[in-house]
Protein backbone atom coordinates (compact mmCIF):
# COMPACT_ATOMS: atom_id res chain seq x y z
CA GLN A 1 94.69 84.62 -45.74
CA ALA A 2 93.07 86.53 -42.91
CA GLN A 3 95.08 86.93 -39.72
CA LEU A 4 93.58 85.41 -36.61
CA ILE A 5 95.40 86.25 -33.40
CA ASP A 6 94.97 83.66 -30.66
CA SER A 7 96.35 84.01 -27.15
CA GLY A 8 95.78 83.07 -23.53
CA GLY A 9 97.67 79.81 -23.23
CA GLY A 10 99.98 79.02 -20.37
CA LEU A 11 100.89 76.59 -17.63
CA VAL A 12 98.13 75.54 -15.25
CA GLN A 13 97.69 72.80 -12.68
CA ALA A 14 95.20 70.03 -13.21
CA GLY A 15 91.76 71.16 -12.12
CA GLY A 16 92.48 74.77 -13.03
CA SER A 17 91.06 77.07 -15.68
CA LEU A 18 92.25 79.14 -18.62
CA ARG A 19 90.51 81.37 -21.14
CA LEU A 20 91.79 81.52 -24.69
CA SER A 21 91.04 84.48 -26.95
CA CYS A 22 91.04 84.85 -30.72
CA VAL A 23 90.84 88.29 -32.30
CA VAL A 24 89.25 88.06 -35.73
CA PRO A 25 89.02 90.55 -38.62
CA GLY A 26 85.55 92.06 -38.66
CA ARG A 27 84.58 90.70 -42.08
CA ILE A 28 85.39 87.20 -40.87
CA PHE A 29 83.77 87.47 -37.46
CA SER A 30 80.50 88.74 -38.92
CA SER A 31 79.94 85.85 -41.30
CA TYR A 32 82.11 82.80 -40.56
CA THR A 33 81.80 79.80 -38.28
CA MET A 34 84.56 80.01 -35.68
CA ALA A 35 86.21 77.02 -34.08
CA TRP A 36 88.99 75.89 -31.78
CA PHE A 37 91.22 72.94 -32.58
CA ARG A 38 94.15 71.50 -30.67
CA GLN A 39 97.19 69.43 -31.49
CA ALA A 40 99.21 67.49 -28.97
CA PRO A 41 102.76 66.29 -29.76
CA GLY A 42 102.68 63.30 -32.08
CA ARG A 43 98.94 63.54 -32.63
CA GLU A 44 96.71 64.90 -35.35
CA ARG A 45 94.94 68.20 -35.03
CA GLU A 46 91.54 67.60 -33.43
CA PHE A 47 88.32 69.52 -33.15
CA VAL A 48 87.53 71.07 -29.78
CA ALA A 49 84.58 73.45 -30.18
CA ALA A 50 82.81 75.66 -32.70
CA ILE A 51 80.23 78.43 -32.83
CA THR A 52 78.21 79.75 -35.75
CA GLN A 53 78.17 83.39 -36.77
CA SER A 54 74.86 84.01 -34.99
CA GLY A 55 76.11 82.41 -31.82
CA GLN A 56 72.97 80.30 -31.70
CA THR A 57 74.66 76.99 -32.44
CA THR A 58 77.67 75.47 -30.75
CA ASP A 59 79.32 72.08 -30.87
CA TYR A 60 81.90 70.41 -28.67
CA ALA A 61 84.12 67.38 -28.76
CA ASP A 62 82.94 64.74 -26.31
CA SER A 63 86.21 65.00 -24.42
CA VAL A 64 85.56 68.64 -23.47
CA LYS A 65 81.78 68.75 -23.24
CA GLY A 66 80.68 70.18 -19.91
CA ARG A 67 84.14 71.63 -19.19
CA PHE A 68 84.81 74.03 -22.10
CA THR A 69 82.62 76.86 -23.37
CA ILE A 70 83.01 78.72 -26.67
CA SER A 71 81.59 82.21 -27.00
CA GLY A 72 81.90 85.35 -29.07
CA ASP A 73 81.97 89.08 -28.34
CA ASN A 74 80.60 91.07 -31.27
CA ALA A 75 81.90 94.37 -29.94
CA LYS A 76 85.46 93.07 -29.76
CA ASN A 77 85.44 90.71 -32.77
CA THR A 78 86.80 88.09 -30.40
CA VAL A 79 86.05 84.43 -29.86
CA TYR A 80 86.78 82.86 -26.48
CA LEU A 81 87.32 79.36 -25.22
CA GLN A 82 86.75 79.09 -21.49
CA MET A 83 88.43 75.91 -20.25
CA ASN A 84 87.58 74.60 -16.79
CA ARG A 85 88.59 71.48 -14.88
CA LEU A 86 91.63 71.06 -17.07
CA ASN A 87 93.50 67.77 -17.03
CA THR A 88 96.80 66.60 -18.47
CA GLU A 89 95.04 65.24 -21.56
CA ASP A 90 94.19 68.83 -22.50
CA THR A 91 97.86 69.71 -22.98
CA ALA A 92 98.28 70.85 -26.59
CA VAL A 93 98.74 73.79 -28.89
CA TYR A 94 95.32 75.36 -29.40
CA TYR A 95 94.39 77.04 -32.67
CA CYS A 96 91.42 79.18 -33.57
CA ALA A 97 90.02 78.76 -37.06
CA ALA A 98 87.39 80.31 -39.33
CA GLY A 99 85.29 78.60 -41.97
CA ASN A 100 82.98 80.24 -44.50
CA PHE A 101 80.00 77.92 -44.02
CA SER A 102 77.92 79.45 -41.27
CA PRO A 103 75.28 78.45 -40.14
CA PHE A 104 76.86 75.05 -40.33
CA ILE A 105 79.60 73.50 -38.23
CA PHE A 106 82.18 71.01 -39.46
CA THR A 107 84.68 69.23 -37.30
CA GLY A 108 87.32 68.48 -39.93
CA PRO A 109 90.21 70.95 -39.92
CA GLU A 110 90.47 70.76 -43.72
CA ARG A 111 87.16 72.65 -43.97
CA TYR A 112 88.54 75.79 -42.32
CA ASP A 113 90.15 78.55 -44.35
CA HIS A 114 91.86 80.77 -41.81
CA TRP A 115 93.96 79.88 -38.78
CA GLY A 116 95.62 81.50 -35.82
CA GLN A 117 99.27 80.90 -35.00
CA GLY A 118 98.46 78.72 -32.01
CA THR A 119 98.80 79.13 -28.27
CA LEU A 120 100.32 76.48 -25.99
CA VAL A 121 98.35 75.10 -23.07
CA THR A 122 100.26 72.94 -20.62
CA VAL A 123 98.45 71.20 -17.77
CA SER A 124 100.59 69.78 -14.99
CA GLU A 125 99.71 67.19 -12.38
């Protein structure tokens, strides 16, 4: 399994911002759909956002639409998740994931083949 390295989590006050990063092996970044999922304590892992290999198509969960932005940097083989206007409901471990089905996007975690180790985001009141 390919190693995805996600980072950037931390503690932030409600209303603040964070940017998560996921460094991806080149062979994955150049051909896979990339996504972010999150899992809060006691809850199932849920889809947050995804971007196709070309970068032309993105998708977001309704709960983050308008606040989060997913993007990719070809030169750095890195996928980002810019998170603005965070609220306590966004507290979770965030995982980046890669799926070999670009140019399509799927929101089910079972469709993704490679995962990062997770980075914790905690939003306080």
